[in-house]
Amino acid sequence: MEETDNSKQTDKPWLFKKGQSGNPGGRPPGKTLKQYTREMLASMTDEERQEFLHGIPKIEIFKMAEGNPANATDLTSGGEKILVMPIELISKNDTNKSSEPNS
């Protein structure tokens, strides 16, 4: 018995069918939370904004104003390229084995 693409899809009913949208109705109408928040903050007085910001950690205020700080530091390789090797090659050509007998 041949297995067709359709039978593969029925084996996994949680997957979308080919050509089917994951969100057929789209985003519901209305404001997004981001739009709502912008309008809320814009309508506040300076005193109200100061009070609002008083309860937020300073790093979060910085992120709101400037975006997340750059995080380009690579602590694992010091900026050097990382070579990924299949485990078969590593075990076949094990360079960690000592050529000297154990003392």
N, C-alpha and C. Protein backbone atom coordinates (compact mmCIF):
# COMPACT_ATOMS: atom_id res chain seq x y z
N MET A 1 0.83 -1.17 0.00
CA MET A 1 0.00 0.00 0.00
C MET A 1 0.88 1.24 0.00
N GLU A 2 0.62 2.17 -0.91
CA GLU A 2 1.41 3.38 -1.02
C GLU A 2 0.94 4.43 -0.02
N GLU A 3 1.89 5.12 0.54
CA GLU A 3 1.54 6.20 1.48
C GLU A 3 1.56 7.51 0.70
N THR A 4 0.49 8.23 0.73
CA THR A 4 0.41 9.50 0.00
C THR A 4 0.63 10.66 0.94
N ASP A 5 0.79 11.86 0.37
CA ASP A 5 0.96 13.07 1.19
C ASP A 5 -0.26 13.31 2.07
N ASN A 6 -1.46 12.97 1.57
CA ASN A 6 -2.68 13.19 2.34
C ASN A 6 -2.71 12.32 3.59
N SER A 7 -2.24 11.10 3.50
CA SER A 7 -2.27 10.22 4.67
C SER A 7 -1.27 10.70 5.72
N LYS A 8 -0.17 11.31 5.27
CA LYS A 8 0.79 11.86 6.22
C LYS A 8 0.16 13.00 7.01
N GLN A 9 -0.66 13.81 6.35
CA GLN A 9 -1.32 14.93 7.02
C GLN A 9 -2.34 14.43 8.04
N THR A 10 -3.08 13.36 7.71
CA THR A 10 -4.09 12.87 8.64
C THR A 10 -3.45 12.19 9.85
N ASP A 11 -2.21 11.73 9.70
CA ASP A 11 -1.50 11.15 10.85
C ASP A 11 -1.16 12.22 11.87
N LYS A 12 -1.08 13.47 11.43
CA LYS A 12 -0.72 14.59 12.30
C LYS A 12 -1.78 15.68 12.18
N PRO A 13 -2.92 15.49 12.82
CA PRO A 13 -4.02 16.43 12.64
C PRO A 13 -3.73 17.82 13.19
N TRP A 14 -2.69 17.99 14.02
CA TRP A 14 -2.38 19.30 14.58
C TRP A 14 -1.65 20.18 13.57
N LEU A 15 -1.15 19.59 12.48
CA LEU A 15 -0.47 20.37 11.45
C LEU A 15 -1.49 21.02 10.53
N PHE A 16 -1.15 22.21 10.04
CA PHE A 16 -2.02 22.87 9.07
C PHE A 16 -1.92 22.14 7.74
N LYS A 17 -3.02 22.09 7.03
CA LYS A 17 -3.01 21.50 5.70
C LYS A 17 -2.34 22.47 4.74
N LYS A 18 -1.76 21.95 3.67
CA LYS A 18 -1.07 22.78 2.70
C LYS A 18 -2.02 23.86 2.18
N GLY A 19 -1.57 25.10 2.22
CA GLY A 19 -2.37 26.22 1.74
C GLY A 19 -3.33 26.79 2.78
N GLN A 20 -3.38 26.19 3.97
CA GLN A 20 -4.29 26.65 5.02
C GLN A 20 -3.56 27.67 5.90
N SER A 21 -4.21 28.78 6.18
CA SER A 21 -3.62 29.81 7.02
C SER A 21 -3.73 29.42 8.48
N GLY A 22 -2.74 29.81 9.27
CA GLY A 22 -2.78 29.57 10.70
C GLY A 22 -3.70 30.53 11.43
N ASN A 23 -4.07 31.61 10.76
CA ASN A 23 -4.95 32.61 11.37
C ASN A 23 -5.88 33.14 10.28
N PRO A 24 -6.87 32.33 9.89
CA PRO A 24 -7.70 32.70 8.74
C PRO A 24 -8.49 33.99 8.92
N GLY A 25 -8.86 34.34 10.15
CA GLY A 25 -9.62 35.57 10.37
C GLY A 25 -8.74 36.79 10.51
N GLY A 26 -7.44 36.60 10.63
CA GLY A 26 -6.53 37.71 10.85
C GLY A 26 -6.65 38.24 12.27
N ARG A 27 -5.92 39.31 12.53
CA ARG A 27 -5.96 39.92 13.85
C ARG A 27 -7.33 40.55 14.05
N PRO A 28 -7.92 40.39 15.22
CA PRO A 28 -9.24 40.98 15.44
C PRO A 28 -9.17 42.51 15.36
N PRO A 29 -10.26 43.15 14.93
CA PRO A 29 -10.23 44.61 14.81
C PRO A 29 -10.08 45.26 16.18
N GLY A 30 -9.57 46.46 16.18
CA GLY A 30 -9.36 47.19 17.44
C GLY A 30 -7.91 47.55 17.60
N LYS A 31 -7.62 48.21 18.68
CA LYS A 31 -6.26 48.66 18.95
C LYS A 31 -5.41 47.50 19.46
N THR A 32 -4.14 47.55 19.11
CA THR A 32 -3.19 46.61 19.70
C THR A 32 -2.82 47.15 21.08
N LEU A 33 -2.25 46.32 21.90
CA LEU A 33 -1.82 46.75 23.23
C LEU A 33 -0.78 47.86 23.12
N LYS A 34 0.09 47.75 22.10
CA LYS A 34 1.11 48.76 21.89
C LYS A 34 0.48 50.11 21.56
N GLN A 35 -0.52 50.11 20.68
CA GLN A 35 -1.21 51.36 20.34
C GLN A 35 -1.93 51.93 21.56
N TYR A 36 -2.60 51.09 22.30
CA TYR A 36 -3.33 51.52 23.49
C TYR A 36 -2.37 52.16 24.50
N THR A 37 -1.23 51.53 24.72
CA THR A 37 -0.26 52.03 25.69
C THR A 37 0.32 53.37 25.25
N ARG A 38 0.64 53.49 23.96
CA ARG A 38 1.16 54.76 23.45
C ARG A 38 0.16 55.89 23.69
N GLU A 39 -1.11 55.63 23.36
CA GLU A 39 -2.14 56.65 23.54
C GLU A 39 -2.32 56.99 25.02
N MET A 40 -2.27 55.97 25.88
CA MET A 40 -2.43 56.20 27.32
C MET A 40 -1.31 57.08 27.85
N LEU A 41 -0.06 56.76 27.48
CA LEU A 41 1.07 57.55 27.95
C LEU A 41 1.05 58.96 27.37
N ALA A 42 0.61 59.09 26.12
CA ALA A 42 0.55 60.41 25.48
C ALA A 42 -0.50 61.30 26.13
N SER A 43 -1.55 60.71 26.68
CA SER A 43 -2.61 61.50 27.30
C SER A 43 -2.30 61.88 28.75
N MET A 44 -1.25 61.32 29.33
CA MET A 44 -0.89 61.63 30.72
C MET A 44 -0.21 62.98 30.83
N THR A 45 -0.34 63.59 31.98
CA THR A 45 0.42 64.80 32.26
C THR A 45 1.84 64.39 32.62
N ASP A 46 2.74 65.36 32.68
CA ASP A 46 4.13 65.05 33.04
C ASP A 46 4.21 64.44 34.44
N GLU A 47 3.41 64.93 35.36
CA GLU A 47 3.42 64.39 36.72
C GLU A 47 2.93 62.95 36.73
N GLU A 48 1.89 62.66 35.97
CA GLU A 48 1.36 61.28 35.91
C GLU A 48 2.40 60.34 35.29
N ARG A 49 3.10 60.81 34.25
CA ARG A 49 4.14 59.99 33.63
C ARG A 49 5.28 59.72 34.61
N GLN A 50 5.68 60.74 35.38
CA GLN A 50 6.74 60.56 36.38
C GLN A 50 6.32 59.52 37.42
N GLU A 51 5.08 59.60 37.86
CA GLU A 51 4.57 58.63 38.84
C GLU A 51 4.56 57.22 38.24
N PHE A 52 4.14 57.12 36.98
CA PHE A 52 4.09 55.83 36.30
C PHE A 52 5.50 55.23 36.19
N LEU A 53 6.47 56.05 35.77
CA LEU A 53 7.84 55.57 35.58
C LEU A 53 8.54 55.28 36.91
N HIS A 54 8.08 55.88 38.00
CA HIS A 54 8.71 55.69 39.30
C HIS A 54 8.70 54.21 39.72
N GLY A 55 7.69 53.46 39.34
CA GLY A 55 7.59 52.07 39.75
C GLY A 55 8.25 51.07 38.82
N ILE A 56 8.92 51.56 37.78
CA ILE A 56 9.54 50.67 36.79
C ILE A 56 11.06 50.69 36.97
N PRO A 57 11.73 49.53 36.92
CA PRO A 57 13.20 49.50 37.04
C PRO A 57 13.86 50.37 35.95
N LYS A 58 14.97 50.99 36.29
CA LYS A 58 15.65 51.91 35.38
C LYS A 58 16.07 51.24 34.07
N ILE A 59 16.48 49.98 34.11
CA ILE A 59 16.89 49.31 32.88
C ILE A 59 15.71 49.16 31.93
N GLU A 60 14.52 48.95 32.48
CA GLU A 60 13.33 48.83 31.63
C GLU A 60 12.98 50.17 30.99
N ILE A 61 13.17 51.26 31.75
CA ILE A 61 12.93 52.59 31.19
C ILE A 61 13.91 52.85 30.05
N PHE A 62 15.18 52.45 30.24
CA PHE A 62 16.18 52.61 29.19
C PHE A 62 15.78 51.83 27.94
N LYS A 63 15.33 50.60 28.14
CA LYS A 63 14.92 49.77 27.00
C LYS A 63 13.73 50.39 26.27
N MET A 64 12.79 50.98 27.03
CA MET A 64 11.64 51.63 26.39
C MET A 64 12.10 52.80 25.54
N ALA A 65 13.11 53.54 26.01
CA ALA A 65 13.57 54.72 25.30
C ALA A 65 14.53 54.39 24.16
N GLU A 66 15.44 53.47 24.40
CA GLU A 66 16.53 53.22 23.45
C GLU A 66 16.50 51.85 22.80
N GLY A 67 15.67 50.94 23.29
CA GLY A 67 15.70 49.56 22.80
C GLY A 67 16.64 48.73 23.66
N ASN A 68 16.67 47.44 23.43
CA ASN A 68 17.54 46.56 24.21
C ASN A 68 19.00 46.89 23.93
N PRO A 69 19.86 46.89 24.95
CA PRO A 69 21.28 47.13 24.73
C PRO A 69 21.87 46.04 23.82
N ALA A 70 22.87 46.42 23.04
CA ALA A 70 23.53 45.46 22.14
C ALA A 70 24.11 44.32 22.97
N ASN A 71 23.97 43.11 22.46
CA ASN A 71 24.47 41.93 23.15
C ASN A 71 25.27 41.10 22.15
N ALA A 72 26.38 41.69 21.69
CA ALA A 72 27.17 41.03 20.66
C ALA A 72 28.35 40.26 21.25
N THR A 73 28.45 40.15 22.54
CA THR A 73 29.57 39.46 23.17
C THR A 73 29.40 37.96 23.05
N ASP A 74 30.42 37.30 22.55
CA ASP A 74 30.42 35.85 22.44
C ASP A 74 31.37 35.31 23.50
N LEU A 75 30.80 34.78 24.56
CA LEU A 75 31.63 34.29 25.66
C LEU A 75 32.14 32.87 25.44
N THR A 76 31.60 32.17 24.44
CA THR A 76 31.96 30.77 24.28
C THR A 76 33.21 30.55 23.44
N SER A 77 33.42 31.37 22.41
CA SER A 77 34.53 31.11 21.51
C SER A 77 35.46 32.31 21.36
N GLY A 78 35.19 33.39 22.06
CA GLY A 78 36.04 34.56 21.94
C GLY A 78 36.00 35.17 20.55
N GLY A 79 34.92 34.98 19.82
CA GLY A 79 34.78 35.55 18.49
C GLY A 79 35.25 34.63 17.38
N GLU A 80 35.91 33.53 17.74
CA GLU A 80 36.37 32.58 16.72
C GLU A 80 35.18 31.78 16.21
N LYS A 81 35.27 31.35 14.95
CA LYS A 81 34.22 30.51 14.39
C LYS A 81 34.19 29.16 15.11
N ILE A 82 32.98 28.65 15.29
CA ILE A 82 32.82 27.36 15.94
C ILE A 82 32.57 26.31 14.87
N LEU A 83 33.38 25.27 14.87
CA LEU A 83 33.26 24.19 13.90
C LEU A 83 32.45 23.06 14.53
N VAL A 84 31.39 22.66 13.86
CA VAL A 84 30.56 21.56 14.36
C VAL A 84 30.97 20.30 13.62
N MET A 85 31.35 19.29 14.39
CA MET A 85 31.77 18.02 13.79
C MET A 85 30.82 16.91 14.21
N PRO A 86 30.49 16.03 13.26
CA PRO A 86 29.66 14.87 13.63
C PRO A 86 30.38 13.99 14.64
N ILE A 87 29.63 13.39 15.54
CA ILE A 87 30.21 12.57 16.61
C ILE A 87 31.01 11.39 16.05
N GLU A 88 30.62 10.91 14.87
CA GLU A 88 31.35 9.79 14.26
C GLU A 88 32.79 10.18 13.95
N LEU A 89 32.99 11.40 13.44
CA LEU A 89 34.34 11.86 13.13
C LEU A 89 35.14 12.10 14.40
N ILE A 90 34.50 12.60 15.43
CA ILE A 90 35.20 12.86 16.68
C ILE A 90 35.70 11.57 17.29
N SER A 91 34.83 10.54 17.35
CA SER A 91 35.24 9.28 17.95
C SER A 91 36.25 8.54 17.07
N LYS A 92 36.13 8.71 15.75
CA LYS A 92 37.04 8.03 14.82
C LYS A 92 38.43 8.64 14.89
N ASN A 93 38.51 9.95 15.03
CA ASN A 93 39.79 10.67 15.04
C ASN A 93 40.01 11.33 16.39
N ASP A 94 39.86 10.59 17.46
CA ASP A 94 39.95 11.16 18.80
C ASP A 94 41.36 11.66 19.05
N THR A 95 41.50 12.97 19.19
CA THR A 95 42.81 13.56 19.42
C THR A 95 43.10 13.70 20.91
N ASN A 96 42.13 13.40 21.75
CA ASN A 96 42.33 13.53 23.19
C ASN A 96 43.03 12.31 23.80
N LYS A 97 43.14 11.23 23.03
CA LYS A 97 43.80 10.04 23.55
C LYS A 97 45.30 10.30 23.67
N SER A 98 45.84 9.91 24.76
CA SER A 98 47.27 10.10 25.00
C SER A 98 48.04 8.97 24.31
N SER A 99 49.15 9.32 23.67
CA SER A 99 49.96 8.28 23.03
C SER A 99 50.90 7.63 24.04
N GLU A 100 51.02 8.25 25.22
CA GLU A 100 51.88 7.70 26.25
C GLU A 100 51.08 6.78 27.16
N PRO A 101 51.66 5.68 27.60
CA PRO A 101 50.94 4.80 28.53
C PRO A 101 50.74 5.48 29.87
N ASN A 102 49.68 5.07 30.58
CA ASN A 102 49.41 5.62 31.91
C ASN A 102 50.53 5.24 32.85
N SER A 103 50.94 6.16 33.72
CA SER A 103 52.01 5.85 34.66
C SER A 103 51.48 5.48 36.00
